[in-house]
Each structure stands twice: as structure tokens, then as C-alpha cells.
Amino acid sequence: IQICKDVAQFKSFWAFEGLRGLMYASYGLGEYDVAREYMIDAIRIARSMNAIGWITQCLPAAAVLAAYNGHRERAVELLSLAYHHPRSATGWLKKFPLIQNLQTSLEKDLSSETYSKVWQRGQTLDLEETITNLQSQIQNP
């Protein structure tokens, strides 16, 4: 873990991938505060390199954090943006149990009308504005 923290100072694909892996692993272990720290560094690296595809890979993690903090509609919006942004790779989302379980839980917790409405709203979010707001929220919980 310390190695990834040290590598986080570098702007590279490998630093981002290491942080992204640790971020999702931490969520899987229920370590939400640790995952949040990795997300902060991963988003910082992705934004500094203007790597839109990398940024969209952080959206599902942000959705997990939002749901954990009780912001279920925001979690749905973030997942929807992750699935629908033109630069987003989505194949892994459909196979990743953490994300699939989250989506199933959100669909169950919200009425189908609310879920559908929020999912549609998420598709219209501006990625840059969403990430700017997200960085502010996760850095100052």
C-alpha cells in the first residue's frame, strides 16, 4: 500500500491503475475511508493527464461511496454517467460483482419510477462538472 501511495506522486497509467485497483479492493473489504483516499489520488492523476476514460472508471467507485453515505439517487446518477459517457469503457462494469450488487440494491431500494427518472438524469450530467463537484465532496466529507 505504501508503494502505491509513493507512486501516486507520478503521473502515469501504472500509478492510476494501481490506485484504481486498491480503490476497488478497499471497497470490497468495506474500507470506505481508505478507498476514498485512493479515489482522490486516482482522479487527480487522471485529470492532470486529461484522461477522460480513466476519469469515467472512477465514477462507479464514487457511486459506491455515495450509496454508502446514503445518497442513493446520486449513486444511480453516477452509475448512469459511467455507463453512458461516450469515452467510458463499460464491459467490465457488467461483470464486476461489486458494481452489479450495488446496481441491484439501488434498483430494489428506489421505486422503479424514481430509479428510471434518476438513471435518465444521470445520462445528461456533464462529466467535468460532475468530477469537479465530486472532488470537492470527497476531499471535504
C-alpha atoms as a PDB file:
ATOM      1  CA  ILE A   1       0.000   0.000   0.000  1.00  0.00           C
ATOM      2  CA  GLN A   2       2.813   2.407   0.848  1.00  0.00           C
ATOM      3  CA  ILE A   3       4.390   1.753  -2.549  1.00  0.00           C
ATOM      4  CA  CYS A   4       1.173   2.823  -4.292  1.00  0.00           C
ATOM      5  CA  LYS A   5       0.995   5.908  -2.114  1.00  0.00           C
ATOM      6  CA  ASP A   6       4.566   6.740  -3.134  1.00  0.00           C
ATOM      7  CA  VAL A   7       3.821   6.048  -6.804  1.00  0.00           C
ATOM      8  CA  ALA A   8       0.749   8.307  -6.644  1.00  0.00           C
ATOM      9  CA  GLN A   9       3.032  11.315  -6.952  1.00  0.00           C
ATOM     10  CA  PHE A  10       3.838  10.261 -10.515  1.00  0.00           C
ATOM     11  CA  LYS A  11       1.536  10.942 -13.426  1.00  0.00           C
ATOM     12  CA  SER A  12       1.340   7.632 -15.226  1.00  0.00           C
ATOM     13  CA  PHE A  13      -1.014   4.927 -16.341  1.00  0.00           C
ATOM     14  CA  TRP A  14       0.565   2.484 -13.897  1.00  0.00           C
ATOM     15  CA  ALA A  15       0.147   4.807 -10.937  1.00  0.00           C
ATOM     16  CA  PHE A  16      -3.507   5.313 -11.878  1.00  0.00           C
ATOM     17  CA  GLU A  17      -4.111   1.575 -12.370  1.00  0.00           C
ATOM     18  CA  GLY A  18      -2.515   0.744  -9.031  1.00  0.00           C
ATOM     19  CA  LEU A  19      -4.638   3.297  -7.232  1.00  0.00           C
ATOM     20  CA  ARG A  20      -7.787   2.211  -9.075  1.00  0.00           C
ATOM     21  CA  GLY A  21      -7.166  -1.399  -8.111  1.00  0.00           C
ATOM     22  CA  LEU A  22      -6.582  -0.501  -4.474  1.00  0.00           C
ATOM     23  CA  MET A  23      -9.659   1.743  -4.505  1.00  0.00           C
ATOM     24  CA  TYR A  24     -11.971  -1.055  -5.637  1.00  0.00           C
ATOM     25  CA  ALA A  25     -10.261  -3.650  -3.420  1.00  0.00           C
ATOM     26  CA  SER A  26     -10.744  -1.364  -0.419  1.00  0.00           C
ATOM     27  CA  TYR A  27     -14.442  -1.028  -1.201  1.00  0.00           C
ATOM     28  CA  GLY A  28     -14.706  -4.799  -1.459  1.00  0.00           C
ATOM     29  CA  LEU A  29     -13.183  -5.059   2.018  1.00  0.00           C
ATOM     30  CA  GLY A  30     -15.542  -2.421   3.427  1.00  0.00           C
ATOM     31  CA  GLU A  31     -12.711   0.086   3.907  1.00  0.00           C
ATOM     32  CA  TYR A  32     -14.606   3.114   2.574  1.00  0.00           C
ATOM     33  CA  ASP A  33     -12.343   5.803   4.028  1.00  0.00           C
ATOM     34  CA  VAL A  34      -9.247   4.112   2.595  1.00  0.00           C
ATOM     35  CA  ALA A  35     -10.961   3.740  -0.797  1.00  0.00           C
ATOM     36  CA  ARG A  36     -11.883   7.426  -0.725  1.00  0.00           C
ATOM     37  CA  GLU A  37      -8.215   8.357  -0.298  1.00  0.00           C
ATOM     38  CA  TYR A  38      -7.227   6.204  -3.271  1.00  0.00           C
ATOM     39  CA  MET A  39     -10.040   7.747  -5.313  1.00  0.00           C
ATOM     40  CA  ILE A  40      -8.775  11.266  -4.579  1.00  0.00           C
ATOM     41  CA  ASP A  41      -5.317  10.359  -5.917  1.00  0.00           C
ATOM     42  CA  ALA A  42      -6.650   8.395  -8.912  1.00  0.00           C
ATOM     43  CA  ILE A  43      -8.902  11.263 -10.018  1.00  0.00           C
ATOM     44  CA  ARG A  44      -6.073  13.757  -9.521  1.00  0.00           C
ATOM     45  CA  ILE A  45      -3.780  11.755 -11.805  1.00  0.00           C
ATOM     46  CA  ALA A  46      -6.479  11.184 -14.435  1.00  0.00           C
ATOM     47  CA  ARG A  47      -7.433  14.865 -14.522  1.00  0.00           C
ATOM     48  CA  SER A  48      -3.826  16.030 -14.689  1.00  0.00           C
ATOM     49  CA  MET A  49      -3.381  13.899 -17.805  1.00  0.00           C
ATOM     50  CA  ASN A  50      -6.807  14.788 -19.226  1.00  0.00           C
ATOM     51  CA  ALA A  51      -7.515  11.050 -19.411  1.00  0.00           C
ATOM     52  CA  ILE A  52     -11.297  11.090 -19.773  1.00  0.00           C
ATOM     53  CA  GLY A  53     -11.571   7.299 -19.974  1.00  0.00           C
ATOM     54  CA  TRP A  54      -9.678   6.949 -16.714  1.00  0.00           C
ATOM     55  CA  ILE A  55     -11.913   9.519 -15.068  1.00  0.00           C
ATOM     56  CA  THR A  56     -15.029   7.594 -16.073  1.00  0.00           C
ATOM     57  CA  GLN A  57     -13.524   4.483 -14.455  1.00  0.00           C
ATOM     58  CA  CYS A  58     -13.700   6.305 -11.116  1.00  0.00           C
ATOM     59  CA  LEU A  59     -17.423   7.056 -11.406  1.00  0.00           C
ATOM     60  CA  PRO A  60     -18.616   3.607 -10.242  1.00  0.00           C
ATOM     61  CA  ALA A  61     -16.365   3.908  -7.185  1.00  0.00           C
ATOM     62  CA  ALA A  62     -17.888   7.297  -6.493  1.00  0.00           C
ATOM     63  CA  ALA A  63     -21.319   5.664  -6.794  1.00  0.00           C
ATOM     64  CA  VAL A  64     -20.341   3.074  -4.176  1.00  0.00           C
ATOM     65  CA  LEU A  65     -19.248   5.856  -1.828  1.00  0.00           C
ATOM     66  CA  ALA A  66     -22.415   7.873  -2.477  1.00  0.00           C
ATOM     67  CA  ALA A  67     -24.632   4.863  -1.729  1.00  0.00           C
ATOM     68  CA  TYR A  68     -22.630   4.048   1.404  1.00  0.00           C
ATOM     69  CA  ASN A  69     -23.212   7.613   2.605  1.00  0.00           C
ATOM     70  CA  GLY A  70     -26.971   7.319   1.956  1.00  0.00           C
ATOM     71  CA  HIS A  71     -27.071   9.276  -1.305  1.00  0.00           C
ATOM     72  CA  ARG A  72     -28.772   6.583  -3.355  1.00  0.00           C
ATOM     73  CA  GLU A  73     -30.094   8.810  -6.121  1.00  0.00           C
ATOM     74  CA  ARG A  74     -26.651  10.345  -6.592  1.00  0.00           C
ATOM     75  CA  ALA A  75     -25.208   6.830  -6.796  1.00  0.00           C
ATOM     76  CA  VAL A  76     -27.648   5.996  -9.602  1.00  0.00           C
ATOM     77  CA  GLU A  77     -26.734   9.193 -11.463  1.00  0.00           C
ATOM     78  CA  LEU A  78     -23.020   8.385 -11.247  1.00  0.00           C
ATOM     79  CA  LEU A  79     -23.532   4.821 -12.448  1.00  0.00           C
ATOM     80  CA  SER A  80     -25.661   6.041 -15.322  1.00  0.00           C
ATOM     81  CA  LEU A  81     -22.991   8.528 -16.376  1.00  0.00           C
ATOM     82  CA  ALA A  82     -20.363   5.766 -16.160  1.00  0.00           C
ATOM     83  CA  TYR A  83     -22.439   3.525 -18.406  1.00  0.00           C
ATOM     84  CA  HIS A  84     -23.385   6.195 -20.935  1.00  0.00           C
ATOM     85  CA  HIS A  85     -20.463   8.568 -21.309  1.00  0.00           C
ATOM     86  CA  PRO A  86     -19.055   8.139 -24.839  1.00  0.00           C
ATOM     87  CA  ARG A  87     -15.469   7.713 -23.574  1.00  0.00           C
ATOM     88  CA  SER A  88     -16.396   5.171 -20.894  1.00  0.00           C
ATOM     89  CA  ALA A  89     -15.370   1.524 -21.142  1.00  0.00           C
ATOM     90  CA  THR A  90     -18.362  -0.402 -19.830  1.00  0.00           C
ATOM     91  CA  GLY A  91     -17.663  -4.085 -20.417  1.00  0.00           C
ATOM     92  CA  TRP A  92     -16.055  -4.514 -17.016  1.00  0.00           C
ATOM     93  CA  LEU A  93     -18.981  -2.831 -15.248  1.00  0.00           C
ATOM     94  CA  LYS A  94     -21.343  -5.570 -16.386  1.00  0.00           C
ATOM     95  CA  LYS A  95     -19.024  -8.252 -14.968  1.00  0.00           C
ATOM     96  CA  PHE A  96     -17.841  -6.662 -11.724  1.00  0.00           C
ATOM     97  CA  PRO A  97     -19.832  -8.080  -8.775  1.00  0.00           C
ATOM     98  CA  LEU A  98     -19.324  -5.001  -6.583  1.00  0.00           C
ATOM     99  CA  ILE A  99     -20.980  -2.778  -9.178  1.00  0.00           C
ATOM    100  CA  GLN A 100     -23.651  -5.293 -10.144  1.00  0.00           C
ATOM    101  CA  ASN A 101     -24.607  -5.800  -6.480  1.00  0.00           C
ATOM    102  CA  LEU A 102     -24.752  -2.041  -5.982  1.00  0.00           C
ATOM    103  CA  GLN A 103     -26.977  -1.569  -9.014  1.00  0.00           C
ATOM    104  CA  THR A 104     -29.313  -4.375  -7.901  1.00  0.00           C
ATOM    105  CA  SER A 105     -29.516  -2.869  -4.423  1.00  0.00           C
ATOM    106  CA  LEU A 106     -30.278   0.601  -5.784  1.00  0.00           C
ATOM    107  CA  GLU A 107     -32.973  -0.746  -8.113  1.00  0.00           C
ATOM    108  CA  LYS A 108     -34.536  -2.550  -5.150  1.00  0.00           C
ATOM    109  CA  ASP A 109     -34.334   0.413  -2.745  1.00  0.00           C
ATOM    110  CA  LEU A 110     -35.774   3.034  -5.089  1.00  0.00           C
ATOM    111  CA  SER A 111     -39.118   2.748  -6.814  1.00  0.00           C
ATOM    112  CA  SER A 112     -38.829   1.754 -10.456  1.00  0.00           C
ATOM    113  CA  GLU A 113     -40.198   5.167 -11.459  1.00  0.00           C
ATOM    114  CA  THR A 114     -37.645   7.021  -9.347  1.00  0.00           C
ATOM    115  CA  TYR A 115     -34.790   4.780 -10.455  1.00  0.00           C
ATOM    116  CA  SER A 116     -35.677   5.245 -14.119  1.00  0.00           C
ATOM    117  CA  LYS A 117     -36.011   9.018 -13.755  1.00  0.00           C
ATOM    118  CA  VAL A 118     -32.682   9.331 -11.928  1.00  0.00           C
ATOM    119  CA  TRP A 119     -30.948   6.976 -14.422  1.00  0.00           C
ATOM    120  CA  GLN A 120     -32.124   9.238 -17.271  1.00  0.00           C
ATOM    121  CA  ARG A 121     -30.925  12.321 -15.404  1.00  0.00           C
ATOM    122  CA  GLY A 122     -27.503  10.739 -14.912  1.00  0.00           C
ATOM    123  CA  GLN A 123     -27.089  10.351 -18.661  1.00  0.00           C
ATOM    124  CA  THR A 124     -27.298  14.119 -19.077  1.00  0.00           C
ATOM    125  CA  LEU A 125     -24.683  15.047 -16.468  1.00  0.00           C
ATOM    126  CA  ASP A 126     -21.636  16.988 -17.600  1.00  0.00           C
ATOM    127  CA  LEU A 127     -18.552  14.913 -16.766  1.00  0.00           C
ATOM    128  CA  GLU A 128     -16.260  17.847 -15.987  1.00  0.00           C
ATOM    129  CA  GLU A 129     -18.783  19.486 -13.669  1.00  0.00           C
ATOM    130  CA  THR A 130     -19.571  16.156 -12.021  1.00  0.00           C
ATOM    131  CA  ILE A 131     -15.908  15.381 -11.346  1.00  0.00           C
ATOM    132  CA  THR A 132     -15.222  18.893 -10.040  1.00  0.00           C
ATOM    133  CA  ASN A 133     -18.135  18.544  -7.602  1.00  0.00           C
ATOM    134  CA  LEU A 134     -17.092  15.021  -6.722  1.00  0.00           C
ATOM    135  CA  GLN A 135     -13.520  16.049  -5.912  1.00  0.00           C
ATOM    136  CA  SER A 136     -14.799  18.782  -3.646  1.00  0.00           C
ATOM    137  CA  GLN A 137     -17.187  16.393  -1.870  1.00  0.00           C
ATOM    138  CA  ILE A 138     -14.731  13.556  -1.340  1.00  0.00           C
ATOM    139  CA  GLN A 139     -11.915  15.823  -0.177  1.00  0.00           C
ATOM    140  CA  ASN A 140     -14.199  17.526   2.346  1.00  0.00           C
ATOM    141  CA  PRO A 141     -16.597  14.785   3.557  1.00  0.00           C
END
